[in-house]
Protein backbone atom coordinates (compact mmCIF):
# COMPACT_ATOMS: atom_id res chain seq x y z
CA UNK A 1 4.97 6.80 40.15
CA UNK A 2 3.00 3.29 41.22
CA UNK A 3 1.38 1.93 37.91
CA UNK A 4 -0.67 -0.37 37.75
CA UNK A 5 0.31 -4.16 37.26
CA UNK A 6 -1.83 -4.97 34.29
CA UNK A 7 -0.14 -2.69 32.14
CA UNK A 8 3.28 -3.16 33.63
CA UNK A 9 2.54 -6.64 31.67
CA UNK A 10 1.92 -5.60 28.42
CA UNK A 11 4.84 -5.45 25.81
CA UNK A 12 5.24 -2.38 23.45
CA UNK A 13 4.35 -3.47 19.54
CA UNK A 14 7.52 -4.20 18.18
CA UNK A 15 5.29 -3.56 14.64
CA UNK A 16 4.87 0.11 15.75
CA UNK A 17 8.46 0.53 17.30
CA UNK A 18 9.82 -0.30 14.31
CA UNK A 19 7.83 1.72 11.85
CA UNK A 20 8.08 4.58 14.35
CA UNK A 21 11.99 4.42 14.01
CA UNK A 22 12.09 4.71 10.64
CA UNK A 23 9.70 7.21 10.15
CA UNK A 24 12.41 9.54 12.37
CA UNK A 25 14.87 8.43 10.15
CA UNK A 26 13.01 9.67 7.04
CA UNK A 27 12.47 12.96 9.08
CA UNK A 28 15.68 13.31 9.50
CA UNK A 29 16.47 13.15 6.03
CA UNK A 30 17.87 9.51 5.79
CA UNK A 31 16.14 7.89 2.47
CA UNK A 32 14.49 4.31 4.23
CA UNK A 33 12.93 1.70 2.63
CA UNK A 34 10.02 0.74 4.62
CA UNK A 35 8.12 -2.96 4.74
CA UNK A 36 6.79 -2.14 8.09
CA UNK A 37 3.27 -0.72 8.01
CA UNK A 38 0.29 -3.16 7.71
CA UNK A 39 -1.67 -0.47 5.56
CA UNK A 40 -2.30 -0.50 1.78
CA UNK A 41 -0.43 2.54 -0.13
CA UNK A 42 -3.63 2.83 -2.05
CA UNK A 43 -5.32 5.94 -1.57
CA UNK A 44 -8.99 5.69 -0.10
CA UNK A 45 -11.51 5.12 -3.02
CA UNK A 46 -13.21 8.80 -4.26
CA UNK A 47 -16.54 7.63 -3.76
CA UNK A 48 -15.96 7.13 0.10
CA UNK A 49 -14.27 10.52 0.61
CA UNK A 50 -17.29 12.21 -0.59
CA UNK A 51 -19.64 10.75 1.45
CA UNK A 52 -17.53 11.52 4.48
CA UNK A 53 -17.18 15.61 2.83
CA UNK A 54 -21.51 15.49 2.48
CA UNK A 55 -21.55 14.35 6.18
CA UNK A 56 -19.38 16.84 7.02
CA UNK A 57 -21.58 19.78 4.59
CA UNK A 58 -24.22 18.25 6.20
CA UNK A 59 -23.57 18.78 9.99
CA UNK A 60 -22.90 15.41 10.57
CA UNK A 61 -20.41 16.02 13.59
CA UNK A 62 -22.29 15.23 16.19
CA UNK A 63 -22.60 12.47 18.85
CA UNK A 64 -23.82 9.37 17.42
CA UNK A 65 -25.05 6.25 19.43
CA UNK A 66 -22.47 4.03 21.67
CA UNK A 67 -22.69 1.31 19.09
CA UNK A 68 -23.16 3.12 15.66
CA UNK A 69 -25.35 4.50 13.59
CA UNK A 70 -28.59 2.43 12.66
CA UNK A 71 -28.19 2.29 9.00
CA UNK A 72 -24.51 1.24 9.31
CA UNK A 73 -25.15 -1.65 11.34
CA UNK A 74 -27.94 -2.38 8.84
CA UNK A 75 -25.74 -2.37 6.50
CA UNK A 76 -22.84 -4.47 8.00
CA UNK A 77 -25.78 -7.23 8.55
CA UNK A 78 -26.66 -7.03 4.96
CA UNK A 79 -22.67 -7.60 4.07
CA UNK A 80 -22.49 -10.38 6.43
CA UNK A 81 -25.37 -12.35 5.07
CA UNK A 82 -24.02 -11.16 1.48
CA UNK A 83 -20.49 -12.49 1.77
CA UNK A 84 -20.42 -14.86 4.82
CA UNK A 85 -23.95 -16.26 4.67
CA UNK A 86 -24.37 -15.15 8.01
CA UNK A 87 -27.48 -13.88 9.85
CA UNK A 88 -27.00 -11.13 12.13
CA UNK A 89 -29.94 -8.53 13.30
CA UNK A 90 -28.83 -4.58 14.22
CA UNK A 91 -28.86 -5.95 18.12
CA UNK A 92 -25.98 -8.32 17.35
CA UNK A 93 -23.95 -5.24 16.12
CA UNK A 94 -21.52 -2.99 17.68
CA UNK A 95 -19.46 -0.69 15.39
CA UNK A 96 -16.05 0.23 17.08
CA UNK A 97 -12.80 2.75 16.65
CA UNK A 98 -11.37 0.00 14.51
CA UNK A 99 -11.31 -3.70 14.55
CA UNK A 100 -8.45 -3.43 17.00
CA UNK A 101 -10.82 -1.84 19.12
CA UNK A 102 -13.64 -4.31 18.74
CA UNK A 103 -11.73 -7.14 19.69
CA UNK A 104 -9.72 -5.56 22.75
CA UNK A 105 -13.86 -4.99 23.47
CA UNK A 106 -14.46 -8.76 22.75
CA UNK A 107 -11.75 -9.86 25.45
CA UNK A 108 -12.30 -7.04 27.65
CA UNK A 109 -16.06 -8.45 28.38
CA UNK A 110 -15.48 -12.21 28.22
CA UNK A 111 -12.32 -12.92 29.80
CA UNK A 112 -11.15 -11.99 33.67
CA UNK A 113 -8.12 -13.47 35.62
CA UNK A 114 -8.07 -17.38 35.79
CA UNK A 115 -9.29 -17.74 32.02
CA UNK A 116 -7.24 -19.16 29.44
CA UNK A 117 -7.31 -17.96 25.90
CA UNK A 118 -5.72 -19.71 22.92
CA UNK A 119 -3.91 -18.07 20.24
CA UNK A 120 -2.27 -19.97 17.46
CA UNK A 121 1.37 -18.68 17.02
CA UNK A 122 2.44 -16.86 14.64
CA UNK A 123 0.11 -14.22 15.65
CA UNK A 124 -0.53 -10.60 15.63
CA UNK A 125 1.33 -8.98 17.80
CA UNK A 126 -1.63 -7.51 19.90
CA UNK A 127 -3.52 -10.40 21.00
CA UNK A 128 -1.62 -11.51 23.59
CA UNK A 129 -1.28 -8.26 25.37
CA UNK A 130 -4.83 -7.80 25.13
CA UNK A 131 -5.43 -11.03 26.43
CA UNK A 132 -2.74 -9.87 29.87
CA UNK A 133 -4.94 -6.58 29.87
CA UNK A 134 -8.16 -8.60 30.94
CA UNK A 135 -6.18 -10.49 33.31
CA UNK A 136 -6.30 -13.39 31.75
CA UNK A 137 -3.36 -15.92 30.72
CA UNK A 138 -2.47 -16.28 26.66
CA UNK A 139 -1.93 -20.02 25.78
CA UNK A 140 0.16 -19.99 22.60
CA UNK A 141 -0.02 -22.88 20.28
CA UNK A 142 3.03 -23.31 18.03
CA UNK A 143 1.70 -24.02 14.13
CA UNK A 144 4.05 -25.89 11.47
CA UNK A 145 5.43 -24.12 8.37
CA UNK A 146 4.84 -27.76 6.73
CA UNK A 147 1.14 -27.25 7.48
CA UNK A 148 0.84 -23.58 6.16
CA UNK A 149 1.23 -22.12 9.52
CA UNK A 150 -2.46 -23.56 10.52
CA UNK A 151 -3.34 -25.24 13.53
CA UNK A 152 -4.39 -28.46 13.64
CA UNK A 153 -7.64 -30.24 15.62
CA UNK A 154 -5.05 -32.30 17.57
CA UNK A 155 -2.60 -29.05 18.29
CA UNK A 156 -5.80 -27.24 19.47
CA UNK A 157 -7.26 -30.56 21.52
CA UNK A 158 -3.80 -30.47 23.65
CA UNK A 159 -3.90 -26.86 24.31
CA UNK A 160 -7.31 -27.13 25.95
CA UNK A 161 -8.39 -27.00 29.75
CA UNK A 162 -10.76 -26.65 32.27
CA UNK A 163 -9.76 -22.88 32.12
CA UNK A 164 -10.41 -22.43 28.36
CA UNK A 165 -12.48 -19.51 27.85
CA UNK A 166 -11.94 -18.59 24.34
CA UNK A 167 -10.05 -19.17 21.23
CA UNK A 168 -8.70 -16.39 18.73
CA UNK A 169 -8.37 -17.20 15.32
CA UNK A 170 -7.39 -14.92 12.32
CA UNK A 171 -7.76 -15.90 8.71
CA UNK A 172 -6.16 -14.46 6.74
CA UNK A 173 -3.41 -14.36 9.27
CA UNK A 174 -1.23 -11.43 10.47
CA UNK A 175 1.71 -12.49 9.92
CA UNK A 176 2.03 -15.49 7.68
CA UNK A 177 -0.82 -14.99 5.21
CA UNK A 178 -2.38 -18.50 6.07
CA UNK A 179 -6.11 -19.18 5.52
CA UNK A 180 -7.77 -22.15 6.75
CA UNK A 181 -10.24 -23.38 4.53
CA UNK A 182 -13.96 -24.88 5.37
CA UNK A 183 -12.58 -28.33 6.24
CA UNK A 184 -10.11 -27.22 8.90
CA UNK A 185 -12.37 -24.70 10.14
CA UNK A 186 -15.42 -27.16 10.73
CA UNK A 187 -13.31 -29.84 12.59
CA UNK A 188 -12.21 -26.66 14.94
CA UNK A 189 -15.72 -25.82 15.52
CA UNK A 190 -16.85 -29.09 16.38
CA UNK A 191 -14.17 -29.19 19.11
CA UNK A 192 -14.92 -25.53 20.13
CA UNK A 193 -18.94 -26.57 20.55
CA UNK A 194 -17.89 -29.61 22.22
CA UNK A 195 -15.60 -27.79 24.98
CA UNK A 196 -17.92 -24.85 25.18
CA UNK A 197 -15.37 -22.38 24.11
CA UNK A 198 -15.81 -18.81 22.34
CA UNK A 199 -14.05 -18.30 19.53
CA UNK A 200 -13.02 -14.76 18.15
CA UNK A 201 -12.92 -14.83 14.45
CA UNK A 202 -10.39 -11.95 13.45
CA UNK A 203 -11.43 -11.96 9.49
CA UNK A 204 -9.94 -8.22 9.02
CA UNK A 205 -8.22 -9.29 5.90
CA UNK A 206 -11.26 -11.71 4.17
CA UNK A 207 -11.59 -9.97 0.87
CA UNK A 208 -7.15 -9.76 0.15
CA UNK A 209 -6.70 -13.43 -1.10
CA UNK A 210 -4.93 -14.72 -4.03
CA UNK A 211 -4.53 -17.57 -6.69
CA UNK A 212 -8.44 -18.28 -6.12
CA UNK A 213 -8.58 -18.38 -2.29
CA UNK A 214 -12.19 -18.51 -1.05
CA UNK A 215 -12.87 -17.15 2.72
CA UNK A 216 -15.09 -19.20 5.29
CA UNK A 217 -16.14 -17.75 8.74
CA UNK A 218 -16.10 -20.23 11.09
CA UNK A 219 -19.51 -18.73 12.24
CA UNK A 220 -21.11 -19.93 9.18
CA UNK A 221 -21.47 -23.79 9.82
CA UNK A 222 -24.34 -24.12 12.19
CA UNK A 223 -26.27 -22.29 14.83
CA UNK A 224 -24.17 -24.03 18.31
CA UNK A 225 -20.95 -22.47 16.67
CA UNK A 226 -22.90 -19.40 15.41
CA UNK A 227 -23.69 -18.83 19.22
CA UNK A 228 -20.23 -19.34 20.40
CA UNK A 229 -18.47 -17.01 17.87
CA UNK A 230 -17.56 -13.38 17.73
CA UNK A 231 -16.58 -11.91 14.31
CA UNK A 232 -14.15 -8.87 14.38
CA UNK A 233 -13.83 -7.21 10.72
CA UNK A 234 -13.65 -3.34 9.71
CA UNK A 235 -12.99 -0.55 6.64
CA UNK A 236 -9.34 -0.60 7.21
CA UNK A 237 -7.44 -3.20 5.11
CA UNK A 238 -10.39 -3.68 2.39
CA UNK A 239 -10.87 -0.28 1.41
CA UNK A 240 -7.68 1.13 2.58
CA UNK A 241 -9.28 3.38 5.27
CA UNK A 242 -6.43 2.65 8.19
CA UNK A 243 -6.73 6.37 9.37
CA UNK A 244 -10.91 6.40 9.55
CA UNK A 245 -10.70 4.10 12.10
CA UNK A 246 -14.15 1.99 11.74
CA UNK A 247 -14.28 -1.23 12.68
CA UNK A 248 -17.36 -3.85 13.81
CA UNK A 249 -18.27 -6.95 15.67
CA UNK A 250 -20.90 -9.30 15.53
CA UNK A 251 -21.91 -11.92 17.87
CA UNK A 252 -24.54 -13.13 21.02
CA UNK A 253 -26.61 -10.34 22.12
CA UNK A 254 -26.01 -10.59 25.14
CA UNK A 255 -22.11 -10.45 24.48
CA UNK A 256 -22.53 -7.33 22.20
CA UNK A 257 -24.96 -5.43 24.97
CA UNK A 258 -21.96 -5.62 27.10
CA UNK A 259 -19.57 -4.17 24.88
CA UNK A 260 -22.13 -1.46 23.68
CA UNK A 261 -22.12 -0.35 27.76
CA UNK A 262 -18.25 -0.65 27.39
CA UNK A 263 -17.86 1.52 24.64
CA UNK A 264 -20.14 3.88 25.94
CA UNK A 265 -18.31 4.68 29.23
CA UNK A 266 -14.96 4.59 27.16
CA UNK A 267 -14.71 6.07 23.58
CA UNK A 268 -18.40 7.44 23.87
CA UNK A 269 -18.74 6.46 20.06
CA UNK A 270 -17.39 5.73 16.71
CA UNK A 271 -16.55 9.03 14.65
CA UNK A 272 -19.60 9.69 12.99
CA UNK A 273 -18.02 11.04 9.89
CA UNK A 274 -16.27 7.90 8.94
CA UNK A 275 -19.58 5.74 10.07
CA UNK A 276 -20.64 7.56 6.73
CA UNK A 277 -17.68 7.14 4.89
CA UNK A 278 -17.70 3.09 6.12
CA UNK A 279 -21.44 2.97 5.21
CA UNK A 280 -20.40 4.18 1.47
CA UNK A 281 -17.60 1.80 1.45
CA UNK A 282 -19.88 -1.42 2.47
CA UNK A 283 -23.08 -0.27 0.09
CA UNK A 284 -20.80 1.42 -2.75
CA UNK A 285 -18.81 0.00 -5.29
CA UNK A 286 -17.09 -2.75 -4.79
CA UNK A 287 -14.37 -2.85 -8.00
CA UNK A 288 -11.54 -1.15 -5.57
CA UNK A 289 -10.85 -4.16 -3.92
CA UNK A 290 -10.22 -6.28 -6.88
CA UNK A 291 -7.88 -3.83 -8.71
CA UNK A 292 -5.97 -3.31 -5.53
CA UNK A 293 -5.98 -7.37 -4.95
CA UNK A 294 -4.74 -7.64 -8.13
CA UNK A 295 -1.51 -5.21 -8.16
CA UNK A 296 -0.77 -6.60 -4.62
CA UNK A 297 -0.69 -10.22 -6.18
CA UNK A 298 1.90 -8.94 -8.50
CA UNK A 299 3.85 -7.01 -5.51
CA UNK A 300 3.71 -10.47 -3.71
CA UNK A 301 5.10 -12.48 -6.40
CA UNK A 302 7.91 -10.37 -7.19
CA UNK A 303 8.81 -10.10 -3.37
CA UNK A 304 8.64 -14.08 -3.04
CA UNK A 305 10.88 -14.22 -5.95
CA UNK A 306 13.37 -11.75 -4.90
CA UNK A 307 13.81 -12.98 -1.03
CA UNK A 308 13.89 -16.86 -2.39
CA UNK A 309 17.28 -15.82 -4.29
CA UNK A 310 18.81 -14.19 -1.20
CA UNK A 311 21.27 -16.15 0.65
CA UNK A 312 19.61 -17.15 4.35
CA UNK A 313 16.06 -16.00 3.55
CA UNK A 314 13.85 -18.06 3.08
CA UNK A 315 10.16 -16.87 2.40
CA UNK A 316 6.97 -18.67 3.01
CA UNK A 317 4.10 -17.48 -0.19
CA UNK A 318 1.37 -16.07 1.56
CA UNK A 319 -2.39 -16.71 0.13
CA UNK A 320 -3.93 -14.10 1.94
CA UNK A 321 -3.50 -10.55 3.76
CA UNK A 322 -0.17 -8.56 2.54
CA UNK A 323 2.99 -9.88 4.23
CA UNK A 324 5.79 -12.47 3.58
CA UNK A 325 6.62 -13.91 6.80
CA UNK A 326 10.55 -14.36 6.04
CA UNK A 327 12.34 -17.28 7.92
CA UNK A 328 15.90 -15.85 8.77
CA UNK A 329 17.67 -19.11 10.59
CA UNK A 330 20.40 -19.45 8.17
CA UNK A 331 21.66 -15.90 8.77
CA UNK A 332 22.75 -16.56 12.23
CA UNK A 333 20.55 -13.36 13.61
CA UNK A 334 18.06 -13.41 15.50
CA UNK A 335 14.95 -10.99 14.11
CA UNK A 336 15.40 -8.21 16.23
CA UNK A 337 19.20 -7.71 15.74
CA UNK A 338 18.60 -8.21 12.24
CA UNK A 339 15.79 -5.84 11.67
CA UNK A 340 18.22 -3.33 13.56
CA UNK A 341 20.69 -3.82 11.21
CA UNK A 342 18.91 -3.64 8.28
CA UNK A 343 17.37 -0.55 9.04
CA UNK A 344 20.91 1.14 10.33
CA UNK A 345 23.17 -0.52 7.72
CA UNK A 346 20.87 -0.94 4.79
CA UNK A 347 18.33 1.64 5.13
CA UNK A 348 15.35 -1.30 4.81
CA UNK A 349 12.80 -1.47 7.95
CA UNK A 350 11.15 -5.41 8.24
CA UNK A 351 9.46 -6.09 11.16
CA UNK A 352 11.00 -8.42 13.61
CA UNK A 353 9.26 -11.81 13.62
CA UNK A 354 9.84 -12.07 17.70
CA UNK A 355 6.75 -10.07 18.28
CA UNK A 356 4.76 -12.84 16.78
CA UNK A 357 6.24 -15.42 18.92
CA UNK A 358 8.77 -16.38 16.17
CA UNK A 359 12.50 -14.76 16.67
CA UNK A 360 13.88 -16.89 13.45
CA UNK A 361 11.52 -14.91 11.17
CA UNK A 362 11.13 -11.35 10.00
CA UNK A 363 7.57 -9.83 8.54
CA UNK A 364 7.81 -7.90 5.38
CA UNK A 365 4.40 -6.15 3.94
CA UNK A 366 3.93 -5.97 -0.11
CA UNK A 367 1.79 -2.88 0.66
CA UNK A 368 3.80 -0.77 -1.02
CA UNK A 369 4.87 0.48 -4.62
CA UNK A 370 6.39 -2.03 -6.94
CA UNK A 371 9.34 0.41 -7.29
CA UNK A 372 9.46 0.80 -3.75
CA UNK A 373 9.89 -3.29 -3.13
CA UNK A 374 12.19 -3.07 -5.81
CA UNK A 375 14.64 -0.66 -4.51
CA UNK A 376 14.15 -2.48 -0.69
CA UNK A 377 15.06 -5.76 -2.22
CA UNK A 378 18.10 -4.29 -4.20
CA UNK A 379 19.52 -3.14 -0.88
CA UNK A 380 18.71 -6.38 1.42
CA UNK A 381 20.56 -8.23 -1.42
CA UNK A 382 23.36 -6.26 -1.67
CA UNK A 383 23.56 -6.21 2.52
CA UNK A 384 23.58 -9.71 2.81
CA UNK A 385 26.90 -9.98 0.09
CA UNK A 386 28.68 -7.82 2.40
């Protein structure tokens, strides 16, 4: 069989691969502690599930507009105005099958062969692969731990060429939990405007922040950067709705129209029932978020404290998202070998840093119960002693 060249350039997701292996072991009756999955362990709030059940009962189970129902787009506009000081109208919003789908669509309509896309590293595993699928070239910029894994203006400037079309920013970040402050974003925005570079701002973790940290959107500074920015977000992480598959994108009307056209020929529309659930999530009570983040804070602090005491491990303390990016250089093992050995020998699943561009790190998710985290840390500590 002869496959298309573009798909042959794409690697498998290490995140999903390690999670799949751990799930198979569990299915086989093996007690595995998993720090792999990037999803909250909390149940979707009742008011959101009730809205979905109501939609089913009312027969809201047919096709919707390709880019989302009007009332959800209106709610998203209200959300952007309230939370991010961003003014959008519904024609600048497209609802997709998850934030990942939103990002994929944006790259597809903006990038093509010959274009370069700048991606700060460590990066979410799917960014470079999505760029390759658009037949563009990913250009990674290695950040420094001493800078909090945040890209500086000088690092960005060195990566820009005449072929640069797009910059992908992820704040809060997966896998590091790094968060850019307003000053850092403003400096980056000035450079993007000067060089006429589009910015794709992935803000899916914007509500999961610690230590009094505030979120800022790069699109909010002035009209020049606003006109160059596409903001991706969704309900998956904030409301523990990963399986509902609702994400959304805001940006220039011409770009959004192109995405709507692309989506109409690919997925038709986001799930009707999930859109009604997302509407309730955005407009309903937000108390769930602070309760969840409070619990995540306890888990983060405990995991950092335990990892810091394990020989060969050096965790980076995140200020956003729900991951600990942990250096493993002193173990003498690469991330893939270490992850496989931990799974096979200690029955602990972690994600290799190689998929994020850093083979001397692993990623551990603390979006799981404290009892599970304690058990996993005990196993990890015992394994390193042996």
